Amino acid sequence: MRLSDLVRDQAPDPREDATGRRPALSSLLFDTKDSLGENVSSLREADAHVAWYGAARKEITAIGEAVRANRGVTFDRCHRLAEDLVTMLATSDDLILRMMREDVEAYQVSNAIHVAILSVKIGQGLRYDSAALERLALAGLLHDLGMWLVPQEIVEKSGSLNADEWSGIHAHPEQGRRVVAEMGESFHWLATAIAQEHERWDGSGYPCRLKGGAIVEVAQIIGLADVLDAMMSPRPYHARVAPHQALRSLLVQYKQAFQPRLIKTLVDQLSLYPIGTSVRLNDGHIGIVSKVNSRYPLRPVLLVQRNREGQTNGEAAAVDLCRETSMHIVEVLPETRAA
């Protein structure tokens, strides 16, 4: 089978000023001076993406450590990170490229960031409004709070888990739900999403074996994003899978586990050749996917900078395969070939 055949209640925001407008993106990333001492208002777009990534890592780590130590947590900064993420993904896919190609270190923290990014992309494809996208982003950042309460020796174990260890893993959605539920009624939607993130459309998930519409859509989206990221990122128990291979595995192995509409939306948003994938064209040139054509998943925009012999041609040229109809992708190259 060819891969292509597989596809076919908000309160007023306390941060608003007297005019009803929210502060600019740069002012939300950090305080006036960030932890690196930069004046954030002078950041260029690319630097803002780097700054957001660093701020997200710092905040998720701090929240996780607080949960583990049974200290109180607040989500104010996560709210700001969620808003900024939605703003950035509305104009650029640079964060997707960074996510696809980053060298994962603390995968539990990276997973929270990746799931937030992927969830927002799915929400964009579903035409969610900005408030709903911000909820998706926040839920993605916080979806695995309960895993911080699972002993690290279990989380980091490279071999098979025994029955007791699996029991601990299966308990983490409920543990995360309790942490959030204690924060008040306004967070009950988030607590529900966290509790249901590992439930599956066909009833094969956990902890309650919910199925179909019994699972809230936020949880369905986060669960889909989480499974894809789990394949694309290295874990103690498996090596990293290239993005295009992860998408193929998702389409083949998990087509019953997730709502078909959500899977199609994910593929439309990422393309069968996700951003960052290195490919060879029918004329022998080599390019890297830089932008997705959601209506035509097999014909993305490439940055072509190497000829058929693999030699660099100088500055990369953008090639839109929707316009260059005589050209098409014939091969995905190993990640070691990516420039």
C-alpha atoms as a PDB file:
ATOM      1  CA  MET A   1       0.000   0.000   0.000  1.00  0.00           C
ATOM      2  CA  ARG A   2       1.309   3.441  -0.935  1.00  0.00           C
ATOM      3  CA  LEU A   3       1.584   6.025   1.801  1.00  0.00           C
ATOM      4  CA  SER A   4      -0.598   8.434  -0.172  1.00  0.00           C
ATOM      5  CA  ASP A   5      -3.385   5.851  -0.224  1.00  0.00           C
ATOM      6  CA  LEU A   6      -3.582   5.954   3.550  1.00  0.00           C
ATOM      7  CA  VAL A   7      -4.710   9.555   3.595  1.00  0.00           C
ATOM      8  CA  ARG A   8      -7.641  10.647   1.990  1.00  0.00           C
ATOM      9  CA  ASP A   9     -16.577  29.616  29.266  1.00  0.00           C
ATOM     10  CA  GLN A  10     -13.697  31.967  29.322  1.00  0.00           C
ATOM     11  CA  ALA A  11     -13.299  34.656  32.045  1.00  0.00           C
ATOM     12  CA  PRO A  12     -11.990  38.120  31.050  1.00  0.00           C
ATOM     13  CA  ASP A  13      -8.227  38.015  30.620  1.00  0.00           C
ATOM     14  CA  PRO A  14      -6.580  39.885  33.520  1.00  0.00           C
ATOM     15  CA  ARG A  15      -3.634  40.673  31.237  1.00  0.00           C
ATOM     16  CA  GLU A  16      -5.700  42.854  28.920  1.00  0.00           C
ATOM     17  CA  ASP A  17      -5.086  46.564  29.204  1.00  0.00           C
ATOM     18  CA  ALA A  18      -7.735  49.255  29.478  1.00  0.00           C
ATOM     19  CA  THR A  19      -8.355  49.132  25.724  1.00  0.00           C
ATOM     20  CA  GLY A  20      -9.023  45.375  25.797  1.00  0.00           C
ATOM     21  CA  ARG A  21      -5.788  44.569  23.983  1.00  0.00           C
ATOM     22  CA  ARG A  22      -3.190  42.078  25.144  1.00  0.00           C
ATOM     23  CA  PRO A  23       0.488  42.991  25.356  1.00  0.00           C
ATOM     24  CA  ALA A  24       2.680  42.369  22.324  1.00  0.00           C
ATOM     25  CA  LEU A  25       4.217  38.936  21.795  1.00  0.00           C
ATOM     26  CA  SER A  26       7.720  39.969  22.823  1.00  0.00           C
ATOM     27  CA  SER A  27       6.547  41.294  26.188  1.00  0.00           C
ATOM     28  CA  LEU A  28       4.900  37.980  27.012  1.00  0.00           C
ATOM     29  CA  LEU A  29       7.937  35.782  26.465  1.00  0.00           C
ATOM     30  CA  PHE A  30       9.749  37.027  29.527  1.00  0.00           C
ATOM     31  CA  ASP A  31       9.762  39.983  31.862  1.00  0.00           C
ATOM     32  CA  THR A  32      11.266  43.240  30.558  1.00  0.00           C
ATOM     33  CA  LYS A  33      14.672  41.626  30.921  1.00  0.00           C
ATOM     34  CA  ASP A  34      14.788  37.883  30.353  1.00  0.00           C
ATOM     35  CA  SER A  35      17.019  35.371  32.102  1.00  0.00           C
ATOM     36  CA  LEU A  36      19.693  35.880  29.432  1.00  0.00           C
ATOM     37  CA  GLY A  37      19.760  39.609  30.020  1.00  0.00           C
ATOM     38  CA  GLU A  38      18.425  40.475  26.544  1.00  0.00           C
ATOM     39  CA  ASN A  39      15.943  43.223  25.895  1.00  0.00           C
ATOM     40  CA  VAL A  40      13.155  41.076  24.495  1.00  0.00           C
ATOM     41  CA  SER A  41      11.488  43.961  22.682  1.00  0.00           C
ATOM     42  CA  SER A  42      14.435  44.014  20.278  1.00  0.00           C
ATOM     43  CA  LEU A  43      14.247  40.329  19.407  1.00  0.00           C
ATOM     44  CA  ARG A  44      13.893  39.392  15.773  1.00  0.00           C
ATOM     45  CA  GLU A  45      11.293  36.743  14.885  1.00  0.00           C
ATOM     46  CA  ALA A  46      13.823  33.888  14.780  1.00  0.00           C
ATOM     47  CA  ASP A  47      15.279  34.966  18.115  1.00  0.00           C
ATOM     48  CA  ALA A  48      11.778  35.145  19.594  1.00  0.00           C
ATOM     49  CA  HIS A  49      11.257  31.492  18.657  1.00  0.00           C
ATOM     50  CA  VAL A  50      14.495  30.516  20.374  1.00  0.00           C
ATOM     51  CA  ALA A  51      13.515  32.586  23.402  1.00  0.00           C
ATOM     52  CA  TRP A  52      10.077  30.943  23.536  1.00  0.00           C
ATOM     53  CA  TYR A  53      11.624  27.488  23.420  1.00  0.00           C
ATOM     54  CA  GLY A  54      14.011  28.336  26.245  1.00  0.00           C
ATOM     55  CA  ALA A  55      11.268  29.878  28.364  1.00  0.00           C
ATOM     56  CA  ALA A  56       9.024  26.853  27.806  1.00  0.00           C
ATOM     57  CA  ARG A  57      11.785  24.434  28.842  1.00  0.00           C
ATOM     58  CA  LYS A  58      12.467  26.442  31.982  1.00  0.00           C
ATOM     59  CA  GLU A  59       8.810  26.700  32.970  1.00  0.00           C
ATOM     60  CA  ILE A  60       7.875  23.044  32.329  1.00  0.00           C
ATOM     61  CA  THR A  61      10.929  21.932  34.329  1.00  0.00           C
ATOM     62  CA  ALA A  62       9.982  24.240  37.220  1.00  0.00           C
ATOM     63  CA  ILE A  63       6.360  23.037  37.273  1.00  0.00           C
ATOM     64  CA  GLY A  64       7.415  19.393  37.102  1.00  0.00           C
ATOM     65  CA  GLU A  65       9.842  19.778  39.966  1.00  0.00           C
ATOM     66  CA  ALA A  66       7.200  21.567  42.032  1.00  0.00           C
ATOM     67  CA  VAL A  67       4.693  18.757  41.421  1.00  0.00           C
ATOM     68  CA  ARG A  68       7.276  16.154  42.362  1.00  0.00           C
ATOM     69  CA  ALA A  69       8.092  18.035  45.581  1.00  0.00           C
ATOM     70  CA  ASN A  70       4.374  18.502  46.378  1.00  0.00           C
ATOM     71  CA  ARG A  71       4.684  22.273  46.215  1.00  0.00           C
ATOM     72  CA  GLY A  72       1.964  24.560  44.934  1.00  0.00           C
ATOM     73  CA  VAL A  73       2.016  25.419  41.239  1.00  0.00           C
ATOM     74  CA  THR A  74       0.567  28.223  39.135  1.00  0.00           C
ATOM     75  CA  PHE A  75       0.032  28.286  35.386  1.00  0.00           C
ATOM     76  CA  ASP A  76       0.347  32.016  34.733  1.00  0.00           C
ATOM     77  CA  ARG A  77       3.540  31.737  32.707  1.00  0.00           C
ATOM     78  CA  CYS A  78       2.208  28.676  30.888  1.00  0.00           C
ATOM     79  CA  HIS A  79      -0.825  30.730  29.873  1.00  0.00           C
ATOM     80  CA  ARG A  80       1.516  33.330  28.394  1.00  0.00           C
ATOM     81  CA  LEU A  81       3.591  30.675  26.651  1.00  0.00           C
ATOM     82  CA  ALA A  82       0.407  29.161  25.190  1.00  0.00           C
ATOM     83  CA  GLU A  83      -0.742  32.521  23.848  1.00  0.00           C
ATOM     84  CA  ASP A  84       2.654  33.229  22.317  1.00  0.00           C
ATOM     85  CA  LEU A  85       2.812  29.787  20.736  1.00  0.00           C
ATOM     86  CA  VAL A  86      -0.515  30.327  18.984  1.00  0.00           C
ATOM     87  CA  THR A  87       0.646  33.735  17.754  1.00  0.00           C
ATOM     88  CA  MET A  88       3.930  32.376  16.371  1.00  0.00           C
ATOM     89  CA  LEU A  89       2.407  29.341  14.658  1.00  0.00           C
ATOM     90  CA  ALA A  90      -0.135  31.600  12.962  1.00  0.00           C
ATOM     91  CA  THR A  91       2.646  33.201  10.896  1.00  0.00           C
ATOM     92  CA  SER A  92       5.529  30.716  10.777  1.00  0.00           C
ATOM     93  CA  ASP A  93       6.332  27.015  10.981  1.00  0.00           C
ATOM     94  CA  ASP A  94       9.860  27.628  12.288  1.00  0.00           C
ATOM     95  CA  LEU A  95       8.973  26.019  15.618  1.00  0.00           C
ATOM     96  CA  ILE A  96       7.900  22.856  13.769  1.00  0.00           C
ATOM     97  CA  LEU A  97      11.280  22.717  12.027  1.00  0.00           C
ATOM     98  CA  ARG A  98      13.071  23.253  15.328  1.00  0.00           C
ATOM     99  CA  MET A  99      10.995  20.540  16.980  1.00  0.00           C
ATOM    100  CA  MET A 100      11.604  18.035  14.190  1.00  0.00           C
ATOM    101  CA  ARG A 101      15.358  18.522  14.186  1.00  0.00           C
ATOM    102  CA  GLU A 102      16.260  19.244  17.802  1.00  0.00           C
ATOM    103  CA  ASP A 103      18.635  17.019  19.736  1.00  0.00           C
ATOM    104  CA  VAL A 104      16.343  15.937  22.589  1.00  0.00           C
ATOM    105  CA  GLU A 105      17.921  15.959  26.029  1.00  0.00           C
ATOM    106  CA  ALA A 106      15.271  15.974  28.784  1.00  0.00           C
ATOM    107  CA  TYR A 107      12.622  14.172  26.754  1.00  0.00           C
ATOM    108  CA  GLN A 108       9.888  14.604  29.358  1.00  0.00           C
ATOM    109  CA  VAL A 109      10.221  18.383  29.023  1.00  0.00           C
ATOM    110  CA  SER A 110      10.673  18.236  25.248  1.00  0.00           C
ATOM    111  CA  ASN A 111       7.571  16.071  24.935  1.00  0.00           C
ATOM    112  CA  ALA A 112       5.430  18.726  26.631  1.00  0.00           C
ATOM    113  CA  ILE A 113       6.674  21.368  24.190  1.00  0.00           C
ATOM    114  CA  HIS A 114       6.334  19.145  21.130  1.00  0.00           C
ATOM    115  CA  VAL A 115       2.802  18.045  22.033  1.00  0.00           C
ATOM    116  CA  ALA A 116       1.750  21.664  22.487  1.00  0.00           C
ATOM    117  CA  ILE A 117       3.143  22.595  19.061  1.00  0.00           C
ATOM    118  CA  LEU A 118       1.604  19.612  17.277  1.00  0.00           C
ATOM    119  CA  SER A 119      -1.748  20.075  19.018  1.00  0.00           C
ATOM    120  CA  VAL A 120      -1.973  23.699  17.904  1.00  0.00           C
ATOM    121  CA  LYS A 121      -1.184  22.652  14.325  1.00  0.00           C
ATOM    122  CA  ILE A 122      -4.037  20.135  14.438  1.00  0.00           C
ATOM    123  CA  GLY A 123      -6.317  22.786  15.922  1.00  0.00           C
ATOM    124  CA  GLN A 124      -5.392  25.183  13.128  1.00  0.00           C
ATOM    125  CA  GLY A 125      -6.408  22.549  10.589  1.00  0.00           C
ATOM    126  CA  LEU A 126      -9.728  22.167  12.401  1.00  0.00           C
ATOM    127  CA  ARG A 127     -10.177  25.960  12.209  1.00  0.00           C
ATOM    128  CA  TYR A 128     -10.283  26.463  15.954  1.00  0.00           C
ATOM    129  CA  ASP A 129     -10.466  30.081  17.057  1.00  0.00           C
ATOM    130  CA  SER A 130      -7.590  31.646  18.998  1.00  0.00           C
ATOM    131  CA  ALA A 131      -9.113  30.973  22.422  1.00  0.00           C
ATOM    132  CA  ALA A 132      -9.550  27.264  21.617  1.00  0.00           C
ATOM    133  CA  LEU A 133      -6.011  27.080  20.207  1.00  0.00           C
ATOM    134  CA  GLU A 134      -4.644  28.613  23.396  1.00  0.00           C
ATOM    135  CA  ARG A 135      -6.460  25.951  25.415  1.00  0.00           C
ATOM    136  CA  LEU A 136      -4.901  23.271  23.226  1.00  0.00           C
ATOM    137  CA  ALA A 137      -1.459  24.798  23.710  1.00  0.00           C
ATOM    138  CA  LEU A 138      -1.878  24.985  27.487  1.00  0.00           C
ATOM    139  CA  ALA A 139      -3.177  21.424  27.682  1.00  0.00           C
ATOM    140  CA  GLY A 140      -0.271  20.228  25.551  1.00  0.00           C
ATOM    141  CA  LEU A 141       2.285  21.896  27.797  1.00  0.00           C
ATOM    142  CA  LEU A 142       0.712  20.363  30.923  1.00  0.00           C
ATOM    143  CA  HIS A 143      -0.668  17.060  29.614  1.00  0.00           C
ATOM    144  CA  ASP A 144       1.805  14.814  31.428  1.00  0.00           C
ATOM    145  CA  LEU A 145       1.913  16.451  34.859  1.00  0.00           C
ATOM    146  CA  GLY A 146       1.200  13.108  36.511  1.00  0.00           C
ATOM    147  CA  MET A 147       4.364  11.564  35.020  1.00  0.00           C
ATOM    148  CA  TRP A 148       6.419  13.756  37.353  1.00  0.00           C
ATOM    149  CA  LEU A 149       4.981  11.680  40.213  1.00  0.00           C
ATOM    150  CA  VAL A 150       6.090   8.367  38.685  1.00  0.00           C
ATOM    151  CA  PRO A 151       9.483   7.196  40.062  1.00  0.00           C
ATOM    152  CA  GLN A 152      12.279   8.213  37.697  1.00  0.00           C
ATOM    153  CA  GLU A 153      13.689   4.697  37.612  1.00  0.00           C
ATOM    154  CA  ILE A 154      10.438   3.608  35.958  1.00  0.00           C
ATOM    155  CA  VAL A 155      10.212   6.571  33.586  1.00  0.00           C
ATOM    156  CA  GLU A 156      13.825   6.078  32.455  1.00  0.00           C
ATOM    157  CA  LYS A 157      13.845   2.283  32.371  1.00  0.00           C
ATOM    158  CA  SER A 158      15.143   0.970  29.050  1.00  0.00           C
ATOM    159  CA  GLY A 159      13.878  -2.582  29.460  1.00  0.00           C
ATOM    160  CA  SER A 160      10.402  -4.080  29.773  1.00  0.00           C
ATOM    161  CA  LEU A 161       8.217  -2.936  32.647  1.00  0.00           C
ATOM    162  CA  ASN A 162       6.752  -5.415  35.103  1.00  0.00           C
ATOM    163  CA  ALA A 163       3.103  -5.419  36.158  1.00  0.00           C
ATOM    164  CA  ASP A 164       3.640  -3.114  39.141  1.00  0.00           C
ATOM    165  CA  GLU A 165       5.600  -0.649  37.027  1.00  0.00           C
ATOM    166  CA  TRP A 166       2.896  -0.596  34.370  1.00  0.00           C
ATOM    167  CA  SER A 167       0.362   0.038  37.109  1.00  0.00           C
ATOM    168  CA  GLY A 168       2.337   3.121  38.108  1.00  0.00           C
ATOM    169  CA  ILE A 169       2.419   4.363  34.516  1.00  0.00           C
ATOM    170  CA  HIS A 170      -1.311   3.793  34.062  1.00  0.00           C
ATOM    171  CA  ALA A 171      -2.037   5.797  37.219  1.00  0.00           C
ATOM    172  CA  HIS A 172      -0.370   8.995  36.013  1.00  0.00           C
ATOM    173  CA  PRO A 173      -3.371  10.486  34.135  1.00  0.00           C
ATOM    174  CA  GLU A 174      -5.456  10.396  37.311  1.00  0.00           C
ATOM    175  CA  GLN A 175      -2.574  11.792  39.354  1.00  0.00           C
ATOM    176  CA  GLY A 176      -2.235  14.671  36.923  1.00  0.00           C
ATOM    177  CA  ARG A 177      -5.986  15.267  36.979  1.00  0.00           C
ATOM    178  CA  ARG A 178      -5.945  15.604  40.765  1.00  0.00           C
ATOM    179  CA  VAL A 179      -3.130  18.151  40.709  1.00  0.00           C
ATOM    180  CA  VAL A 180      -5.068  20.367  38.303  1.00  0.00           C
ATOM    181  CA  ALA A 181      -8.526  19.777  39.787  1.00  0.00           C
ATOM    182  CA  GLU A 182      -7.321  21.174  43.101  1.00  0.00           C
ATOM    183  CA  MET A 183      -6.684  24.516  41.401  1.00  0.00           C
ATOM    184  CA  GLY A 184     -10.363  25.300  41.042  1.00  0.00           C
ATOM    185  CA  GLU A 185     -13.379  24.991  38.779  1.00  0.00           C
ATOM    186  CA  SER A 186     -11.898  27.110  35.997  1.00  0.00           C
ATOM    187  CA  PHE A 187      -9.339  24.342  35.398  1.00  0.00           C
ATOM    188  CA  HIS A 188     -11.775  21.403  35.345  1.00  0.00           C
ATOM    189  CA  TRP A 189     -11.674  21.295  31.516  1.00  0.00           C
ATOM    190  CA  LEU A 190      -7.884  20.919  31.720  1.00  0.00           C
ATOM    191  CA  ALA A 191      -8.135  18.258  34.423  1.00  0.00           C
ATOM    192  CA  THR A 192     -10.503  16.278  32.187  1.00  0.00           C
ATOM    193  CA  ALA A 193      -8.169  16.557  29.191  1.00  0.00           C
ATOM    194  CA  ILE A 194      -5.224  15.340  31.266  1.00  0.00           C
ATOM    195  CA  ALA A 195      -7.251  12.432  32.657  1.00  0.00           C
ATOM    196  CA  GLN A 196      -8.377  11.319  29.179  1.00  0.00           C
ATOM    197  CA  GLU A 197      -5.247  11.951  27.093  1.00  0.00           C
ATOM    198  CA  HIS A 198      -4.369   8.232  26.994  1.00  0.00           C
ATOM    199  CA  GLU A 199      -7.896   7.070  26.152  1.00  0.00           C
ATOM    200  CA  ARG A 200      -8.381   5.908  22.568  1.00  0.00           C
ATOM    201  CA  TRP A 201     -11.176   6.185  20.007  1.00  0.00           C
ATOM    202  CA  ASP A 202     -11.538   2.386  19.788  1.00  0.00           C
ATOM    203  CA  GLY A 203     -11.560   1.868  23.567  1.00  0.00           C
ATOM    204  CA  SER A 204      -8.010   0.494  23.723  1.00  0.00           C
ATOM    205  CA  GLY A 205      -6.616   3.229  25.955  1.00  0.00           C
ATOM    206  CA  TYR A 206      -6.382   3.777  29.685  1.00  0.00           C
ATOM    207  CA  PRO A 207      -7.224   4.281  32.512  1.00  0.00           C
ATOM    208  CA  CYS A 208     -11.020   4.006  31.941  1.00  0.00           C
ATOM    209  CA  ARG A 209     -11.260   2.394  28.491  1.00  0.00           C
ATOM    210  CA  LEU A 210     -13.372   5.261  27.218  1.00  0.00           C
ATOM    211  CA  LYS A 211     -14.164   5.273  23.517  1.00  0.00           C
ATOM    212  CA  GLY A 212     -15.504   7.497  20.770  1.00  0.00           C
ATOM    213  CA  GLY A 213     -17.272  10.690  21.765  1.00  0.00           C
ATOM    214  CA  ALA A 214     -16.901   9.914  25.468  1.00  0.00           C
ATOM    215  CA  ILE A 215     -13.387  11.343  25.107  1.00  0.00           C
ATOM    216  CA  VAL A 216     -13.277  15.143  24.945  1.00  0.00           C
ATOM    217  CA  GLU A 217     -11.766  16.403  21.700  1.00  0.00           C
ATOM    218  CA  VAL A 218      -8.947  18.286  23.438  1.00  0.00           C
ATOM    219  CA  ALA A 219      -7.788  14.973  24.928  1.00  0.00           C
ATOM    220  CA  GLN A 220      -8.115  13.214  21.567  1.00  0.00           C
ATOM    221  CA  ILE A 221      -5.934  15.825  19.876  1.00  0.00           C
ATOM    222  CA  ILE A 222      -3.308  15.791  22.625  1.00  0.00           C
ATOM    223  CA  GLY A 223      -3.229  12.003  22.615  1.00  0.00           C
ATOM    224  CA  LEU A 224      -2.640  11.958  18.848  1.00  0.00           C
ATOM    225  CA  ALA A 225       0.142  14.535  19.118  1.00  0.00           C
ATOM    226  CA  ASP A 226       1.685  12.616  22.027  1.00  0.00           C
ATOM    227  CA  VAL A 227       1.818   9.334  20.104  1.00  0.00           C
ATOM    228  CA  LEU A 228       3.461  10.986  17.101  1.00  0.00           C
ATOM    229  CA  ASP A 229       6.054  12.737  19.249  1.00  0.00           C
ATOM    230  CA  ALA A 230       6.772   9.526  21.168  1.00  0.00           C
ATOM    231  CA  MET A 231       7.810   7.939  17.863  1.00  0.00           C
ATOM    232  CA  MET A 232       9.805  10.905  16.582  1.00  0.00           C
ATOM    233  CA  SER A 233      11.744  11.497  19.808  1.00  0.00           C
ATOM    234  CA  PRO A 234      14.256   9.093  21.362  1.00  0.00           C
ATOM    235  CA  ARG A 235      13.187   7.301  24.524  1.00  0.00           C
ATOM    236  CA  PRO A 236      15.150   5.043  26.885  1.00  0.00           C
ATOM    237  CA  TYR A 237      13.351   2.083  25.320  1.00  0.00           C
ATOM    238  CA  HIS A 238      13.510   2.995  21.605  1.00  0.00           C
ATOM    239  CA  ALA A 239      15.510   5.006  19.090  1.00  0.00           C
ATOM    240  CA  ARG A 240      14.202   8.054  17.249  1.00  0.00           C
ATOM    241  CA  VAL A 241      12.065   7.445  14.149  1.00  0.00           C
ATOM    242  CA  ALA A 242      12.294   9.898  11.241  1.00  0.00           C
ATOM    243  CA  PRO A 243       9.191  12.123  10.942  1.00  0.00           C
ATOM    244  CA  HIS A 244       7.942  10.673   7.653  1.00  0.00           C
ATOM    245  CA  GLN A 245       8.354   7.133   9.014  1.00  0.00           C
ATOM    246  CA  ALA A 246       6.537   8.096  12.215  1.00  0.00           C
ATOM    247  CA  LEU A 247       3.620   9.439  10.184  1.00  0.00           C
ATOM    248  CA  ARG A 248       3.467   6.238   8.159  1.00  0.00           C
ATOM    249  CA  SER A 249       3.468   4.146  11.341  1.00  0.00           C
ATOM    250  CA  LEU A 250       0.738   6.338  12.788  1.00  0.00           C
ATOM    251  CA  LEU A 251      -1.430   5.874   9.701  1.00  0.00           C
ATOM    252  CA  VAL A 252      -0.905   2.123   9.596  1.00  0.00           C
ATOM    253  CA  GLN A 253      -0.801   1.126  13.265  1.00  0.00           C
ATOM    254  CA  TYR A 254      -3.057   3.664  14.957  1.00  0.00           C
ATOM    255  CA  LYS A 255      -5.843   4.274  12.434  1.00  0.00           C
ATOM    256  CA  GLN A 256      -8.389   2.659  14.767  1.00  0.00           C
ATOM    257  CA  ALA A 257      -7.080   4.362  17.881  1.00  0.00           C
ATOM    258  CA  PHE A 258      -7.834   7.917  16.765  1.00  0.00           C
ATOM    259  CA  GLN A 259     -10.749   9.659  15.112  1.00  0.00           C
ATOM    260  CA  PRO A 260     -10.144   9.556  11.319  1.00  0.00           C
ATOM    261  CA  ARG A 261     -10.943  13.260  10.986  1.00  0.00           C
ATOM    262  CA  LEU A 262      -8.116  14.119  13.393  1.00  0.00           C
ATOM    263  CA  ILE A 263      -5.591  11.859  11.680  1.00  0.00           C
ATOM    264  CA  LYS A 264      -6.396  13.381   8.300  1.00  0.00           C
ATOM    265  CA  THR A 265      -6.063  16.872   9.739  1.00  0.00           C
ATOM    266  CA  LEU A 266      -2.679  16.026  11.253  1.00  0.00           C
ATOM    267  CA  VAL A 267      -1.378  14.696   7.942  1.00  0.00           C
ATOM    268  CA  ASP A 268      -2.772  17.690   6.046  1.00  0.00           C
ATOM    269  CA  GLN A 269      -1.033  20.053   8.466  1.00  0.00           C
ATOM    270  CA  LEU A 270       2.348  18.307   8.571  1.00  0.00           C
ATOM    271  CA  SER A 271       2.334  16.753   5.092  1.00  0.00           C
ATOM    272  CA  LEU A 272       3.495  13.234   4.371  1.00  0.00           C
ATOM    273  CA  TYR A 273       6.898  14.910   4.180  1.00  0.00           C
ATOM    274  CA  PRO A 274       7.074  16.909   7.433  1.00  0.00           C
ATOM    275  CA  ILE A 275       9.066  20.108   7.698  1.00  0.00           C
ATOM    276  CA  GLY A 276      12.765  19.311   8.010  1.00  0.00           C
ATOM    277  CA  THR A 277      12.609  16.138   5.924  1.00  0.00           C
ATOM    278  CA  SER A 278      15.470  15.763   3.429  1.00  0.00           C
ATOM    279  CA  VAL A 279      14.316  14.507   0.008  1.00  0.00           C
ATOM    280  CA  ARG A 280      15.598  13.799  -3.510  1.00  0.00           C
ATOM    281  CA  LEU A 281      13.711  15.108  -6.538  1.00  0.00           C
ATOM    282  CA  ASN A 282      13.200  13.343  -9.859  1.00  0.00           C
ATOM    283  CA  ASP A 283      15.884  15.565 -11.449  1.00  0.00           C
ATOM    284  CA  GLY A 284      18.413  14.440  -8.838  1.00  0.00           C
ATOM    285  CA  HIS A 285      18.520  17.614  -6.757  1.00  0.00           C
ATOM    286  CA  ILE A 286      18.302  17.385  -2.974  1.00  0.00           C
ATOM    287  CA  GLY A 287      16.103  19.634  -0.857  1.00  0.00           C
ATOM    288  CA  ILE A 288      14.723  20.075   2.636  1.00  0.00           C
ATOM    289  CA  VAL A 289      11.011  20.538   3.246  1.00  0.00           C
ATOM    290  CA  SER A 290      10.494  24.089   4.511  1.00  0.00           C
ATOM    291  CA  LYS A 291       6.735  24.577   4.207  1.00  0.00           C
ATOM    292  CA  VAL A 292       3.658  22.395   3.919  1.00  0.00           C
ATOM    293  CA  ASN A 293       0.998  22.732   1.231  1.00  0.00           C
ATOM    294  CA  SER A 294      -1.890  21.419   3.313  1.00  0.00           C
ATOM    295  CA  ARG A 295      -4.151  20.907   0.279  1.00  0.00           C
ATOM    296  CA  TYR A 296      -1.448  18.863  -1.472  1.00  0.00           C
ATOM    297  CA  PRO A 297       0.477  16.852   1.164  1.00  0.00           C
ATOM    298  CA  LEU A 298       2.724  15.262  -1.484  1.00  0.00           C
ATOM    299  CA  ARG A 299       3.896  18.596  -2.911  1.00  0.00           C
ATOM    300  CA  PRO A 300       5.518  20.774  -0.215  1.00  0.00           C
ATOM    301  CA  VAL A 301       7.833  23.761  -0.576  1.00  0.00           C
ATOM    302  CA  LEU A 302      11.527  22.815  -0.524  1.00  0.00           C
ATOM    303  CA  LEU A 303      14.793  24.598   0.075  1.00  0.00           C
ATOM    304  CA  VAL A 304      17.000  23.125  -2.642  1.00  0.00           C
ATOM    305  CA  GLN A 305      20.698  23.649  -2.090  1.00  0.00           C
ATOM    306  CA  ARG A 306      22.424  20.522  -3.361  1.00  0.00           C
ATOM    307  CA  ASN A 307      22.715  19.091  -6.843  1.00  0.00           C
ATOM    308  CA  ARG A 308      22.379  15.473  -7.909  1.00  0.00           C
ATOM    309  CA  GLU A 309      25.951  14.745  -6.799  1.00  0.00           C
ATOM    310  CA  GLY A 310      25.187  16.104  -3.330  1.00  0.00           C
ATOM    311  CA  GLN A 311      27.352  19.195  -3.838  1.00  0.00           C
ATOM    312  CA  THR A 312      26.244  22.512  -2.343  1.00  0.00           C
ATOM    313  CA  ASN A 313      25.092  25.024  -4.931  1.00  0.00           C
ATOM    314  CA  GLY A 314      25.452  28.115  -2.757  1.00  0.00           C
ATOM    315  CA  GLU A 315      22.360  29.807  -1.375  1.00  0.00           C
ATOM    316  CA  ALA A 316      19.297  27.590  -1.092  1.00  0.00           C
ATOM    317  CA  ALA A 317      16.478  28.291  -3.542  1.00  0.00           C
ATOM    318  CA  ALA A 318      12.820  27.844  -2.587  1.00  0.00           C
ATOM    319  CA  VAL A 319      10.969  25.424  -4.853  1.00  0.00           C
ATOM    320  CA  ASP A 320       7.187  25.092  -4.550  1.00  0.00           C
ATOM    321  CA  LEU A 321       6.258  21.701  -5.962  1.00  0.00           C
ATOM    322  CA  CYS A 322       2.681  22.916  -6.463  1.00  0.00           C
ATOM    323  CA  ARG A 323       4.033  25.364  -9.034  1.00  0.00           C
ATOM    324  CA  GLU A 324       6.887  23.279 -10.427  1.00  0.00           C
ATOM    325  CA  THR A 325       4.626  20.514 -11.693  1.00  0.00           C
ATOM    326  CA  SER A 326       7.365  18.736 -13.642  1.00  0.00           C
ATOM    327  CA  MET A 327       9.216  18.019 -10.398  1.00  0.00           C
ATOM    328  CA  HIS A 328       8.289  15.548  -7.703  1.00  0.00           C
ATOM    329  CA  ILE A 329       9.802  13.762  -4.718  1.00  0.00           C
ATOM    330  CA  VAL A 330      11.168  10.327  -5.465  1.00  0.00           C
ATOM    331  CA  GLU A 331      12.967   9.493  -2.234  1.00  0.00           C
ATOM    332  CA  VAL A 332      13.240  10.484   1.415  1.00  0.00           C
ATOM    333  CA  LEU A 333      16.867  10.603   2.483  1.00  0.00           C
ATOM    334  CA  PRO A 334      18.307   9.445   5.805  1.00  0.00           C
ATOM    335  CA  GLU A 335      18.540  12.208   8.369  1.00  0.00           C
ATOM    336  CA  THR A 336      22.331  12.137   8.185  1.00  0.00           C
ATOM    337  CA  ARG A 337      22.012  13.579   4.673  1.00  0.00           C
ATOM    338  CA  ALA A 338      20.070  16.629   5.847  1.00  0.00           C
ATOM    339  CA  ALA A 339      21.869  19.937   5.611  1.00  0.00           C
END
